[in-house]
């Protein structure tokens, strides 16, 4: 049940610590997620987008900026 979302080892460990315990819980979750193709493809993703300044413009509404965050 904890692994159904394919969140990767970090999020599954946090979720597991909220609901259950077994000896060597962290190692067990890491082994399960390490063997899962979906977790390896999508889980534990980190985006390191480079920040940069835009050039100033004299025209109004020349550029519109939108901030958004991906789902957690």
PDB file of N, CA and C in Angstrom:
ATOM      1  N   UNK A   1       0.817  -1.200   0.000  1.00  0.00           N
ATOM      2  CA  UNK A   1       0.000   0.000   0.000  1.00  0.00           C
ATOM      3  C   UNK A   1       0.861   1.264   0.000  1.00  0.00           C
ATOM      4  N   UNK A   2       1.931   1.271   0.768  1.00  0.00           N
ATOM      5  CA  UNK A   2       2.777   2.464   0.837  1.00  0.00           C
ATOM      6  C   UNK A   2       3.449   2.755  -0.496  1.00  0.00           C
ATOM      7  N   UNK A   3       3.754   1.717  -1.236  1.00  0.00           N
ATOM      8  CA  UNK A   3       4.515   1.849  -2.473  1.00  0.00           C
ATOM      9  C   UNK A   3       3.630   2.117  -3.686  1.00  0.00           C
ATOM     10  N   UNK A   4       2.319   2.013  -3.559  1.00  0.00           N
ATOM     11  CA  UNK A   4       1.412   2.133  -4.706  1.00  0.00           C
ATOM     12  C   UNK A   4       1.553   3.437  -5.471  1.00  0.00           C
ATOM     13  N   UNK A   5       1.940   4.514  -4.820  1.00  0.00           N
ATOM     14  CA  UNK A   5       2.061   5.802  -5.495  1.00  0.00           C
ATOM     15  C   UNK A   5       3.346   5.976  -6.271  1.00  0.00           C
ATOM     16  N   UNK A   6       4.311   5.058  -6.100  1.00  0.00           N
ATOM     17  CA  UNK A   6       5.612   5.129  -6.782  1.00  0.00           C
ATOM     18  C   UNK A   6       6.271   6.491  -6.570  1.00  0.00           C
ATOM     19  N   UNK A   7       6.341   6.926  -5.315  1.00  0.00           N
ATOM     20  CA  UNK A   7       6.902   8.237  -4.990  1.00  0.00           C
ATOM     21  C   UNK A   7       8.420   8.234  -4.876  1.00  0.00           C
ATOM     22  N   UNK A   8       9.029   7.067  -4.853  1.00  0.00           N
ATOM     23  CA  UNK A   8      10.466   6.980  -4.625  1.00  0.00           C
ATOM     24  C   UNK A   8      10.746   6.747  -3.154  1.00  0.00           C
ATOM     25  N   UNK A   9      11.978   6.415  -2.837  1.00  0.00           N
ATOM     26  CA  UNK A   9      12.306   5.975  -1.479  1.00  0.00           C
ATOM     27  C   UNK A   9      12.138   7.060  -0.423  1.00  0.00           C
ATOM     28  N   UNK A  10      12.460   8.289  -0.744  1.00  0.00           N
ATOM     29  CA  UNK A  10      12.396   9.359   0.260  1.00  0.00           C
ATOM     30  C   UNK A  10      10.967   9.574   0.753  1.00  0.00           C
ATOM     31  N   UNK A  11      10.027   9.738  -0.165  1.00  0.00           N
ATOM     32  CA  UNK A  11       8.641  10.004   0.235  1.00  0.00           C
ATOM     33  C   UNK A  11       7.977   8.776   0.838  1.00  0.00           C
ATOM     34  N   UNK A  12       8.316   7.584   0.328  1.00  0.00           N
ATOM     35  CA  UNK A  12       7.732   6.372   0.903  1.00  0.00           C
ATOM     36  C   UNK A  12       8.231   6.173   2.335  1.00  0.00           C
ATOM     37  N   UNK A  13       9.496   6.468   2.609  1.00  0.00           N
ATOM     38  CA  UNK A  13      10.019   6.357   3.982  1.00  0.00           C
ATOM     39  C   UNK A  13       9.297   7.322   4.915  1.00  0.00           C
ATOM     40  N   UNK A  14       9.075   8.543   4.473  1.00  0.00           N
ATOM     41  CA  UNK A  14       8.351   9.510   5.306  1.00  0.00           C
ATOM     42  C   UNK A  14       6.926   9.048   5.571  1.00  0.00           C
ATOM     43  N   UNK A  15       6.279   8.528   4.538  1.00  0.00           N
ATOM     44  CA  UNK A  15       4.913   8.033   4.683  1.00  0.00           C
ATOM     45  C   UNK A  15       4.874   6.827   5.621  1.00  0.00           C
ATOM     46  N   UNK A  16       5.809   5.919   5.465  1.00  0.00           N
ATOM     47  CA  UNK A  16       5.845   4.713   6.299  1.00  0.00           C
ATOM     48  C   UNK A  16       6.063   5.056   7.766  1.00  0.00           C
ATOM     49  N   UNK A  17       6.920   6.015   8.044  1.00  0.00           N
ATOM     50  CA  UNK A  17       7.195   6.394   9.431  1.00  0.00           C
ATOM     51  C   UNK A  17       5.966   6.969  10.118  1.00  0.00           C
ATOM     52  N   UNK A  18       5.018   7.471   9.345  1.00  0.00           N
ATOM     53  CA  UNK A  18       3.784   8.012   9.916  1.00  0.00           C
ATOM     54  C   UNK A  18       2.792   6.919  10.290  1.00  0.00           C
ATOM     55  N   UNK A  19       2.877   5.760   9.620  1.00  0.00           N
ATOM     56  CA  UNK A  19       1.840   4.748   9.788  1.00  0.00           C
ATOM     57  C   UNK A  19       2.306   3.427  10.388  1.00  0.00           C
ATOM     58  N   UNK A  20       3.563   3.072  10.248  1.00  0.00           N
ATOM     59  CA  UNK A  20       3.971   1.743  10.690  1.00  0.00           C
ATOM     60  C   UNK A  20       5.454   1.707  11.043  1.00  0.00           C
ATOM     61  N   UNK A  21       5.875   0.539  11.561  1.00  0.00           N
ATOM     62  CA  UNK A  21       7.288   0.342  11.890  1.00  0.00           C
ATOM     63  C   UNK A  21       7.614  -1.134  11.760  1.00  0.00           C
ATOM     64  N   UNK A  22       8.782  -1.419  11.254  1.00  0.00           N
ATOM     65  CA  UNK A  22       9.358  -2.752  11.321  1.00  0.00           C
ATOM     66  C   UNK A  22      10.872  -2.581  11.374  1.00  0.00           C
ATOM     67  N   UNK A  23      11.583  -3.555  11.905  1.00  0.00           N
ATOM     68  CA  UNK A  23      13.041  -3.426  11.977  1.00  0.00           C
ATOM     69  C   UNK A  23      13.637  -3.212  10.583  1.00  0.00           C
ATOM     70  N   UNK A  24      14.589  -2.342  10.489  1.00  0.00           N
ATOM     71  CA  UNK A  24      15.272  -2.017   9.229  1.00  0.00           C
ATOM     72  C   UNK A  24      14.295  -1.510   8.162  1.00  0.00           C
ATOM     73  N   UNK A  25      13.381  -0.639   8.569  1.00  0.00           N
ATOM     74  CA  UNK A  25      12.357  -0.097   7.668  1.00  0.00           C
ATOM     75  C   UNK A  25      12.980   0.672   6.500  1.00  0.00           C
ATOM     76  N   UNK A  26      14.000   1.465   6.783  1.00  0.00           N
ATOM     77  CA  UNK A  26      14.602   2.278   5.728  1.00  0.00           C
ATOM     78  C   UNK A  26      15.256   1.416   4.660  1.00  0.00           C
ATOM     79  N   UNK A  27      16.001   0.403   5.082  1.00  0.00           N
ATOM     80  CA  UNK A  27      16.669  -0.479   4.126  1.00  0.00           C
ATOM     81  C   UNK A  27      15.652  -1.250   3.287  1.00  0.00           C
ATOM     82  N   UNK A  28      14.571  -1.697   3.921  1.00  0.00           N
ATOM     83  CA  UNK A  28      13.527  -2.429   3.203  1.00  0.00           C
ATOM     84  C   UNK A  28      12.877  -1.587   2.123  1.00  0.00           C
ATOM     85  N   UNK A  29      12.553  -0.348   2.456  1.00  0.00           N
ATOM     86  CA  UNK A  29      11.924   0.548   1.483  1.00  0.00           C
ATOM     87  C   UNK A  29      12.893   0.884   0.360  1.00  0.00           C
ATOM     88  N   UNK A  30      14.156   1.115   0.692  1.00  0.00           N
ATOM     89  CA  UNK A  30      15.142   1.405  -0.350  1.00  0.00           C
ATOM     90  C   UNK A  30      15.293   0.236  -1.312  1.00  0.00           C
ATOM     91  N   UNK A  31      15.271  -0.991  -0.796  1.00  0.00           N
ATOM     92  CA  UNK A  31      15.373  -2.169  -1.661  1.00  0.00           C
ATOM     93  C   UNK A  31      14.163  -2.304  -2.573  1.00  0.00           C
ATOM     94  N   UNK A  32      12.976  -2.072  -2.028  1.00  0.00           N
ATOM     95  CA  UNK A  32      11.749  -2.183  -2.829  1.00  0.00           C
ATOM     96  C   UNK A  32      11.735  -1.140  -3.938  1.00  0.00           C
ATOM     97  N   UNK A  33      12.037   0.103  -3.601  1.00  0.00           N
ATOM     98  CA  UNK A  33      11.982   1.169  -4.608  1.00  0.00           C
ATOM     99  C   UNK A  33      13.133   1.070  -5.601  1.00  0.00           C
ATOM    100  N   UNK A  34      14.258   0.497  -5.186  1.00  0.00           N
ATOM    101  CA  UNK A  34      15.399   0.322  -6.088  1.00  0.00           C
ATOM    102  C   UNK A  34      15.076  -0.668  -7.205  1.00  0.00           C
ATOM    103  N   UNK A  35      14.229  -1.659  -6.900  1.00  0.00           N
ATOM    104  CA  UNK A  35      13.866  -2.688  -7.869  1.00  0.00           C
ATOM    105  C   UNK A  35      12.668  -2.295  -8.726  1.00  0.00           C
ATOM    106  N   UNK A  36      12.011  -1.201  -8.415  1.00  0.00           N
ATOM    107  CA  UNK A  36      10.793  -0.781  -9.125  1.00  0.00           C
ATOM    108  C   UNK A  36      11.155   0.132 -10.295  1.00  0.00           C
ATOM    109  N   UNK A  37      10.771  -0.275 -11.511  1.00  0.00           N
ATOM    110  CA  UNK A  37      11.073   0.522 -12.706  1.00  0.00           C
ATOM    111  C   UNK A  37      10.373   1.876 -12.683  1.00  0.00           C
ATOM    112  N   UNK A  38       9.125   1.906 -12.207  1.00  0.00           N
ATOM    113  CA  UNK A  38       8.366   3.162 -12.174  1.00  0.00           C
ATOM    114  C   UNK A  38       9.000   4.139 -11.186  1.00  0.00           C
ATOM    115  N   UNK A  39       9.391   3.653 -10.014  1.00  0.00           N
ATOM    116  CA  UNK A  39      10.047   4.523  -9.029  1.00  0.00           C
ATOM    117  C   UNK A  39      11.378   5.044  -9.556  1.00  0.00           C
ATOM    118  N   UNK A  40      12.114   4.196 -10.251  1.00  0.00           N
ATOM    119  CA  UNK A  40      13.392   4.626 -10.804  1.00  0.00           C
ATOM    120  C   UNK A  40      13.215   5.674 -11.887  1.00  0.00           C
ATOM    121  N   UNK A  41      12.100   5.619 -12.603  1.00  0.00           N
ATOM    122  CA  UNK A  41      11.851   6.579 -13.672  1.00  0.00           C
ATOM    123  C   UNK A  41      11.302   7.900 -13.136  1.00  0.00           C
ATOM    124  N   UNK A  42      10.356   7.834 -12.179  1.00  0.00           N
ATOM    125  CA  UNK A  42       9.657   9.041 -11.739  1.00  0.00           C
ATOM    126  C   UNK A  42       9.895   9.432 -10.283  1.00  0.00           C
ATOM    127  N   UNK A  43      10.250   8.513  -9.423  1.00  0.00           N
ATOM    128  CA  UNK A  43      10.384   8.800  -7.997  1.00  0.00           C
ATOM    129  C   UNK A  43      11.648   9.573  -7.675  1.00  0.00           C
ATOM    130  N   UNK A  44      11.636  10.266  -6.560  1.00  0.00           N
ATOM    131  CA  UNK A  44      12.784  11.038  -6.068  1.00  0.00           C
ATOM    132  C   UNK A  44      13.337  12.014  -7.098  1.00  0.00           C
ATOM    133  N   UNK A  45      12.468  12.582  -7.915  1.00  0.00           N
ATOM    134  CA  UNK A  45      12.944  13.534  -8.922  1.00  0.00           C
ATOM    135  C   UNK A  45      13.212  14.876  -8.275  1.00  0.00           C
ATOM    136  N   UNK A  46      14.251  15.490  -8.705  1.00  0.00           N
ATOM    137  CA  UNK A  46      14.598  16.827  -8.223  1.00  0.00           C
ATOM    138  C   UNK A  46      14.803  17.704  -9.448  1.00  0.00           C
ATOM    139  N   UNK A  47      14.156  18.827  -9.450  1.00  0.00           N
ATOM    140  CA  UNK A  47      14.364  19.756 -10.553  1.00  0.00           C
ATOM    141  C   UNK A  47      15.306  20.851 -10.096  1.00  0.00           C
ATOM    142  N   UNK A  48      16.336  21.052 -10.835  1.00  0.00           N
ATOM    143  CA  UNK A  48      17.310  22.092 -10.530  1.00  0.00           C
ATOM    144  C   UNK A  48      17.316  23.101 -11.669  1.00  0.00           C
ATOM    145  N   UNK A  49      16.218  23.785 -11.805  1.00  0.00           N
ATOM    146  CA  UNK A  49      16.111  24.775 -12.866  1.00  0.00           C
ATOM    147  C   UNK A  49      16.988  25.974 -12.544  1.00  0.00           C
ATOM    148  N   UNK A  50      17.710  26.422 -13.537  1.00  0.00           N
ATOM    149  CA  UNK A  50      18.566  27.586 -13.356  1.00  0.00           C
ATOM    150  C   UNK A  50      17.725  28.856 -13.320  1.00  0.00           C
ATOM    151  N   UNK A  51      18.019  29.711 -12.379  1.00  0.00           N
ATOM    152  CA  UNK A  51      17.348  30.998 -12.297  1.00  0.00           C
ATOM    153  C   UNK A  51      18.139  32.013 -13.101  1.00  0.00           C
ATOM    154  N   UNK A  52      17.423  32.872 -13.778  1.00  0.00           N
ATOM    155  CA  UNK A  52      18.098  33.910 -14.547  1.00  0.00           C
ATOM    156  C   UNK A  52      17.202  35.142 -14.627  1.00  0.00           C
ATOM    157  N   UNK A  53      17.809  36.272 -14.797  1.00  0.00           N
ATOM    158  CA  UNK A  53      17.062  37.530 -14.898  1.00  0.00           C
ATOM    159  C   UNK A  53      16.667  37.770 -16.354  1.00  0.00           C
ATOM    160  N   UNK A  54      15.458  38.274 -16.528  1.00  0.00           N
ATOM    161  CA  UNK A  54      14.998  38.623 -17.863  1.00  0.00           C
ATOM    162  C   UNK A  54      15.486  40.026 -18.208  1.00  0.00           C
ATOM    163  N   UNK A  55      15.685  40.266 -19.479  1.00  0.00           N
ATOM    164  CA  UNK A  55      16.068  41.604 -19.926  1.00  0.00           C
ATOM    165  C   UNK A  55      14.887  42.545 -19.747  1.00  0.00           C
ATOM    166  N   UNK A  56      15.162  43.756 -19.341  1.00  0.00           N
ATOM    167  CA  UNK A  56      14.098  44.750 -19.166  1.00  0.00           C
ATOM    168  C   UNK A  56      13.589  45.185 -20.533  1.00  0.00           C
ATOM    169  N   UNK A  57      12.314  45.539 -20.552  1.00  0.00           N
ATOM    170  CA  UNK A  57      11.697  46.000 -21.788  1.00  0.00           C
ATOM    171  C   UNK A  57      10.944  47.301 -21.523  1.00  0.00           C
ATOM    172  N   UNK A  58      10.789  48.103 -22.533  1.00  0.00           N
ATOM    173  CA  UNK A  58      10.054  49.364 -22.410  1.00  0.00           C
ATOM    174  C   UNK A  58       8.574  49.188 -22.717  1.00  0.00           C
ATOM    175  N   UNK A  59       8.202  48.063 -23.271  1.00  0.00           N
ATOM    176  CA  UNK A  59       6.818  47.829 -23.681  1.00  0.00           C
ATOM    177  C   UNK A  59       6.028  47.190 -22.540  1.00  0.00           C
ATOM    178  N   UNK A  60       4.809  47.690 -22.343  1.00  0.00           N
ATOM    179  CA  UNK A  60       3.931  47.098 -21.348  1.00  0.00           C
ATOM    180  C   UNK A  60       3.359  45.793 -21.898  1.00  0.00           C
ATOM    181  N   UNK A  61       3.185  44.828 -21.038  1.00  0.00           N
ATOM    182  CA  UNK A  61       2.619  43.527 -21.386  1.00  0.00           C
ATOM    183  C   UNK A  61       3.415  42.803 -22.471  1.00  0.00           C
ATOM    184  N   UNK A  62       4.692  43.145 -22.589  1.00  0.00           N
ATOM    185  CA  UNK A  62       5.545  42.469 -23.561  1.00  0.00           C
ATOM    186  C   UNK A  62       5.777  41.019 -23.121  1.00  0.00           C
ATOM    187  N   UNK A  63       5.807  40.833 -21.813  1.00  0.00           N
ATOM    188  CA  UNK A  63       6.072  39.511 -21.265  1.00  0.00           C
ATOM    189  C   UNK A  63       5.213  39.326 -20.019  1.00  0.00           C
ATOM    190  N   UNK A  64       4.653  38.134 -19.850  1.00  0.00           N
ATOM    191  CA  UNK A  64       3.861  37.795 -18.667  1.00  0.00           C
ATOM    192  C   UNK A  64       4.531  36.599 -17.991  1.00  0.00           C
ATOM    193  N   UNK A  65       4.696  36.654 -16.678  1.00  0.00           N
ATOM    194  CA  UNK A  65       5.345  35.574 -15.934  1.00  0.00           C
ATOM    195  C   UNK A  65       4.323  34.862 -15.057  1.00  0.00           C
ATOM    196  N   UNK A  66       4.434  33.566 -14.993  1.00  0.00           N
ATOM    197  CA  UNK A  66       3.554  32.755 -14.163  1.00  0.00           C
ATOM    198  C   UNK A  66       4.425  31.831 -13.322  1.00  0.00           C
ATOM    199  N   UNK A  67       4.185  31.806 -12.017  1.00  0.00           N
ATOM    200  CA  UNK A  67       4.877  30.881 -11.127  1.00  0.00           C
ATOM    201  C   UNK A  67       3.981  29.674 -10.894  1.00  0.00           C
ATOM    202  N   UNK A  68       4.567  28.495 -10.903  1.00  0.00           N
ATOM    203  CA  UNK A  68       3.797  27.298 -10.610  1.00  0.00           C
ATOM    204  C   UNK A  68       4.697  26.285  -9.922  1.00  0.00           C
ATOM    205  N   UNK A  69       4.061  25.382  -9.205  1.00  0.00           N
ATOM    206  CA  UNK A  69       4.794  24.310  -8.530  1.00  0.00           C
ATOM    207  C   UNK A  69       4.174  22.989  -8.936  1.00  0.00           C
ATOM    208  N   UNK A  70       5.015  21.979  -9.098  1.00  0.00           N
ATOM    209  CA  UNK A  70       4.477  20.673  -9.453  1.00  0.00           C
ATOM    210  C   UNK A  70       3.844  20.030  -8.228  1.00  0.00           C
ATOM    211  N   UNK A  71       3.078  18.983  -8.436  1.00  0.00           N
ATOM    212  CA  UNK A  71       2.409  18.305  -7.331  1.00  0.00           C
ATOM    213  C   UNK A  71       3.421  17.588  -6.456  1.00  0.00           C
ATOM    214  N   UNK A  72       3.069  17.435  -5.208  1.00  0.00           N
ATOM    215  CA  UNK A  72       3.965  16.778  -4.256  1.00  0.00           C
ATOM    216  C   UNK A  72       3.534  15.364  -4.027  1.00  0.00           C
TER     217      UNK A  72
END
